Amino acid sequence: MFSNRYRLIFSQQEFNELTAKAVDSLPVHIKEKMENVAVVTEVKPNQELKKEMDLGSDSELLGLYQGVPLTERGSSYFALPDKITIFQLAIESQAGDSREAVKRLIYDTVWHEVAHHFGMNEQEVRRRERDRENRK
């Protein structure tokens, strides 16, 4: 569990539900192509992950995709599910006290990590995010 020094906007259950809604709201053609991937939430990255990724204690890691992108899988690919983790504390910190901003940031983070699942590198994902933002 985490220390009481963190003031979360949403309970962990509410945050899980918002994340599930964000996944559900992805376009159907995207959801139909997602294969062998679990989306989970954590309050913050654990110490092992911070060390592995060389993250500082005040890391603003909003989400993380761990796995083999669809573009790199062969026809005989079989493995445990890939994992997308959405980090509550960083998202809520970045969104300030706005519940609506948290919801938007959860959706944007899910979208970002799903793009990695489809094989996009960080530069490609950021470019598509800018394009999507410009269309709004």
Protein backbone atom coordinates (compact mmCIF):
# COMPACT_ATOMS: atom_id res chain seq x y z
CA MET A 1 0.00 0.00 0.00
CA PHE A 2 1.05 3.62 -0.17
CA SER A 3 1.68 6.24 2.46
CA ASN A 4 -1.02 8.61 3.66
CA ARG A 5 1.06 11.54 2.40
CA TYR A 6 -0.48 11.02 -1.04
CA ARG A 7 -3.85 12.66 -1.52
CA LEU A 8 -5.64 10.83 -4.28
CA ILE A 9 -8.60 12.41 -6.07
CA PHE A 10 -10.27 9.08 -6.83
CA SER A 11 -10.33 5.91 -4.79
CA GLN A 12 -8.35 3.06 -6.34
CA GLN A 13 -11.63 1.36 -7.26
CA GLU A 14 -12.91 4.50 -9.00
CA PHE A 15 -9.59 4.88 -10.83
CA ASN A 16 -9.80 1.24 -11.98
CA GLU A 17 -13.33 1.86 -13.27
CA LEU A 18 -12.27 5.04 -15.10
CA THR A 19 -9.42 3.14 -16.73
CA ALA A 20 -11.78 0.35 -17.80
CA LYS A 21 -14.12 2.96 -19.28
CA ALA A 22 -11.20 4.51 -21.18
CA VAL A 23 -10.35 1.11 -22.67
CA ASP A 24 -14.03 0.50 -23.49
CA SER A 25 -14.23 3.87 -25.24
CA LEU A 26 -11.42 3.09 -27.68
CA PRO A 27 -12.63 2.75 -31.27
CA VAL A 28 -14.03 -0.71 -32.04
CA HIS A 29 -11.50 -1.32 -34.83
CA ILE A 30 -8.69 -0.78 -32.30
CA LYS A 31 -10.19 -2.99 -29.57
CA GLU A 32 -10.83 -5.79 -32.07
CA LYS A 33 -7.13 -5.86 -32.97
CA MET A 34 -5.76 -5.78 -29.42
CA GLU A 35 -4.35 -9.20 -28.68
CA ASN A 36 -3.10 -10.80 -25.50
CA VAL A 37 -2.84 -7.57 -23.49
CA ALA A 38 -4.03 -6.80 -19.95
CA VAL A 39 -4.66 -3.25 -18.76
CA VAL A 40 -4.05 -2.74 -15.05
CA THR A 41 -3.67 0.17 -12.66
CA GLU A 42 -1.15 0.84 -9.93
CA VAL A 43 -0.90 3.81 -7.58
CA LYS A 44 2.74 4.33 -8.55
CA PRO A 45 5.68 2.38 -9.99
CA ASN A 46 7.28 -0.01 -7.50
CA GLN A 47 10.94 0.26 -6.50
CA GLU A 48 12.00 -2.58 -8.78
CA LEU A 49 10.47 -0.88 -11.83
CA LYS A 50 11.96 2.48 -10.87
CA LYS A 51 15.38 0.88 -10.64
CA GLU A 52 14.95 -1.09 -13.89
CA MET A 53 13.88 2.03 -15.79
CA ASP A 54 16.25 4.37 -13.93
CA LEU A 55 13.37 6.54 -12.72
CA GLY A 56 13.76 9.14 -10.01
CA SER A 57 11.62 9.14 -6.89
CA ASP A 58 9.40 11.89 -8.32
CA SER A 59 8.87 10.13 -11.63
CA GLU A 60 5.96 11.31 -13.73
CA LEU A 61 5.50 7.96 -15.47
CA LEU A 62 1.82 7.98 -16.43
CA GLY A 63 1.69 4.59 -18.09
CA LEU A 64 3.86 1.75 -19.26
CA TYR A 65 3.56 -0.89 -21.97
CA GLN A 66 5.45 -4.12 -21.29
CA GLY A 67 5.41 -6.85 -23.88
CA VAL A 68 5.98 -7.73 -27.50
CA PRO A 69 4.28 -5.31 -29.91
CA LEU A 70 1.91 -6.88 -32.45
CA THR A 71 4.26 -5.85 -35.27
CA GLU A 72 7.03 -8.04 -33.81
CA ARG A 73 5.01 -11.21 -33.22
CA GLY A 74 5.35 -14.20 -35.48
CA SER A 75 2.55 -16.54 -36.47
CA SER A 76 3.48 -18.99 -33.71
CA TYR A 77 3.68 -16.30 -31.00
CA PHE A 78 2.41 -17.41 -27.62
CA ALA A 79 3.26 -15.83 -24.29
CA LEU A 80 1.76 -14.46 -21.16
CA PRO A 81 -0.31 -11.35 -21.81
CA ASP A 82 1.40 -8.07 -22.50
CA LYS A 83 0.71 -5.52 -19.82
CA ILE A 84 -0.32 -1.89 -19.90
CA THR A 85 -0.06 -0.24 -16.50
CA ILE A 86 -1.72 3.10 -15.78
CA PHE A 87 -0.23 4.96 -12.79
CA GLN A 88 -2.77 6.81 -10.68
CA LEU A 89 -0.55 9.09 -8.60
CA ALA A 90 1.33 10.57 -11.57
CA ILE A 91 -1.86 11.09 -13.57
CA GLU A 92 -3.67 12.75 -10.68
CA SER A 93 -0.63 14.91 -9.88
CA GLN A 94 -0.37 16.10 -13.46
CA ALA A 95 -4.11 16.77 -13.72
CA GLY A 96 -4.20 18.95 -10.60
CA ASP A 97 -7.48 18.93 -8.71
CA SER A 98 -9.64 18.53 -11.80
CA ARG A 99 -11.59 15.29 -11.90
CA GLU A 100 -12.33 15.89 -15.59
CA ALA A 101 -8.63 16.41 -16.33
CA VAL A 102 -7.88 13.08 -14.62
CA LYS A 103 -10.44 11.30 -16.81
CA ARG A 104 -9.00 12.90 -19.96
CA LEU A 105 -5.44 12.04 -18.96
CA ILE A 106 -6.38 8.42 -18.23
CA TYR A 107 -7.89 8.15 -21.72
CA ASP A 108 -4.87 9.80 -23.35
CA THR A 109 -2.48 7.53 -21.43
CA VAL A 110 -4.41 4.38 -22.36
CA TRP A 111 -4.38 5.50 -26.01
CA HIS A 112 -0.62 6.18 -25.80
CA GLU A 113 0.22 2.77 -24.34
CA VAL A 114 -2.10 0.94 -26.76
CA ALA A 115 -0.19 2.61 -29.59
CA HIS A 116 2.98 0.98 -28.23
CA HIS A 117 1.13 -2.37 -28.22
CA PHE A 118 0.55 -1.82 -31.94
CA GLY A 119 4.29 -1.30 -32.48
CA MET A 120 4.66 2.48 -32.52
CA ASN A 121 7.80 3.89 -30.97
CA GLU A 122 7.72 6.94 -28.70
CA GLN A 123 8.36 9.41 -31.53
CA GLU A 124 5.53 7.96 -33.65
CA VAL A 125 3.13 7.97 -30.71
CA ARG A 126 3.90 11.59 -29.86
CA ARG A 127 3.44 12.62 -33.51
CA ARG A 128 0.02 10.92 -33.61
CA GLU A 129 -0.94 12.54 -30.32
CA ARG A 130 -0.12 15.97 -31.77
CA ASP A 131 -2.12 15.16 -34.90
CA ARG A 132 -5.08 14.01 -32.81
CA GLU A 133 -4.88 17.15 -30.67
CA ASN A 134 -4.76 19.37 -33.75
CA ARG A 135 -7.93 17.75 -35.10
CA LYS A 136 -9.88 18.66 -31.95
